[in-house]
Structure formats: C-alpha cells, structure tokens
Amino acid sequence: MYLQRISLTNFKSYDFGDFKFSHRVNCIVGENGSGKTNLLDAIYFWH
C-alpha cells in the first residue's frame, strides 16, 4: 500500500493543499519556508 493522495485544510502553513503521489519515486522540492516539512508532518500524522 502506498499513499496516493493527501488533501490538507488548515494544517500548519497550508490553508489548502492537494497532493498526488506516484507509486514510484516522489521528490518534494521548494524554497525555504514553502511547507515541505509541514507536508511530511501531515503524512506522518496520517500514518
């Protein structure tokens, strides 16, 4: 089983976010302070 999609509403720095993932390799990239770690926190809490 793998995470296919996660939707965030009012989670940390996200007012709203909708993310889709591949069953292959996924990379999360962005500028400092753009919410990369917050997305990983959401995935951790979901698990």
C-alpha atoms as a PDB file:
ATOM      1  CA  MET A   1       0.000   0.000   0.000  1.00  0.00           C
ATOM      2  CA  TYR A   2       1.213   3.494  -0.763  1.00  0.00           C
ATOM      3  CA  LEU A   3      -0.095   6.995  -0.247  1.00  0.00           C
ATOM      4  CA  GLN A   4      -1.787   8.086  -3.469  1.00  0.00           C
ATOM      5  CA  ARG A   5      -3.175  11.445  -2.415  1.00  0.00           C
ATOM      6  CA  ILE A   6      -3.437  13.737   0.587  1.00  0.00           C
ATOM      7  CA  SER A   7      -5.565  16.857   0.967  1.00  0.00           C
ATOM      8  CA  LEU A   8      -4.795  19.401   3.669  1.00  0.00           C
ATOM      9  CA  THR A   9      -7.091  22.068   5.064  1.00  0.00           C
ATOM     10  CA  ASN A  10      -5.887  24.495   7.748  1.00  0.00           C
ATOM     11  CA  PHE A  11      -2.850  22.371   8.570  1.00  0.00           C
ATOM     12  CA  LYS A  12       0.134  24.424   9.746  1.00  0.00           C
ATOM     13  CA  SER A  13       1.160  26.646   6.799  1.00  0.00           C
ATOM     14  CA  TYR A  14      -1.469  25.210   4.414  1.00  0.00           C
ATOM     15  CA  ASP A  15      -4.833  26.892   4.075  1.00  0.00           C
ATOM     16  CA  PHE A  16      -5.499  24.262   1.444  1.00  0.00           C
ATOM     17  CA  GLY A  17      -3.265  21.756  -0.328  1.00  0.00           C
ATOM     18  CA  ASP A  18      -3.943  18.791  -2.562  1.00  0.00           C
ATOM     19  CA  PHE A  19      -1.038  16.454  -3.356  1.00  0.00           C
ATOM     20  CA  LYS A  20      -0.935  13.373  -5.571  1.00  0.00           C
ATOM     21  CA  PHE A  21       1.864  10.820  -5.371  1.00  0.00           C
ATOM     22  CA  SER A  22       3.250   8.218  -7.745  1.00  0.00           C
ATOM     23  CA  HIS A  23       3.877   4.599  -6.819  1.00  0.00           C
ATOM     24  CA  ARG A  24       7.455   5.266  -7.931  1.00  0.00           C
ATOM     25  CA  VAL A  25       9.889   7.849  -6.567  1.00  0.00           C
ATOM     26  CA  ASN A  26       8.467  11.171  -5.324  1.00  0.00           C
ATOM     27  CA  CYS A  27      10.552  14.287  -4.659  1.00  0.00           C
ATOM     28  CA  ILE A  28       9.412  17.208  -2.556  1.00  0.00           C
ATOM     29  CA  VAL A  29      11.277  20.371  -3.510  1.00  0.00           C
ATOM     30  CA  GLY A  30      10.806  24.061  -2.843  1.00  0.00           C
ATOM     31  CA  GLU A  31      12.217  27.196  -1.322  1.00  0.00           C
ATOM     32  CA  ASN A  32      12.914  27.515   2.395  1.00  0.00           C
ATOM     33  CA  GLY A  33       9.675  28.100   4.275  1.00  0.00           C
ATOM     34  CA  SER A  34       7.463  26.790   1.457  1.00  0.00           C
ATOM     35  CA  GLY A  35       5.941  23.949   3.541  1.00  0.00           C
ATOM     36  CA  LYS A  36       7.978  20.852   2.625  1.00  0.00           C
ATOM     37  CA  THR A  37       8.400  19.770   6.248  1.00  0.00           C
ATOM     38  CA  ASN A  38       4.755  20.576   7.000  1.00  0.00           C
ATOM     39  CA  LEU A  39       3.721  18.220   4.190  1.00  0.00           C
ATOM     40  CA  LEU A  40       5.934  15.481   5.652  1.00  0.00           C
ATOM     41  CA  ASP A  41       4.410  16.144   9.099  1.00  0.00           C
ATOM     42  CA  ALA A  42       0.924  15.693   7.616  1.00  0.00           C
ATOM     43  CA  ILE A  43       1.962  12.394   6.048  1.00  0.00           C
ATOM     44  CA  TYR A  44       3.427  11.259   9.371  1.00  0.00           C
ATOM     45  CA  PHE A  45       0.232  12.186  11.282  1.00  0.00           C
ATOM     46  CA  TRP A  46      -1.916  10.465   8.631  1.00  0.00           C
ATOM     47  CA  HIS A  47       0.036   7.248   9.012  1.00  0.00           C
END
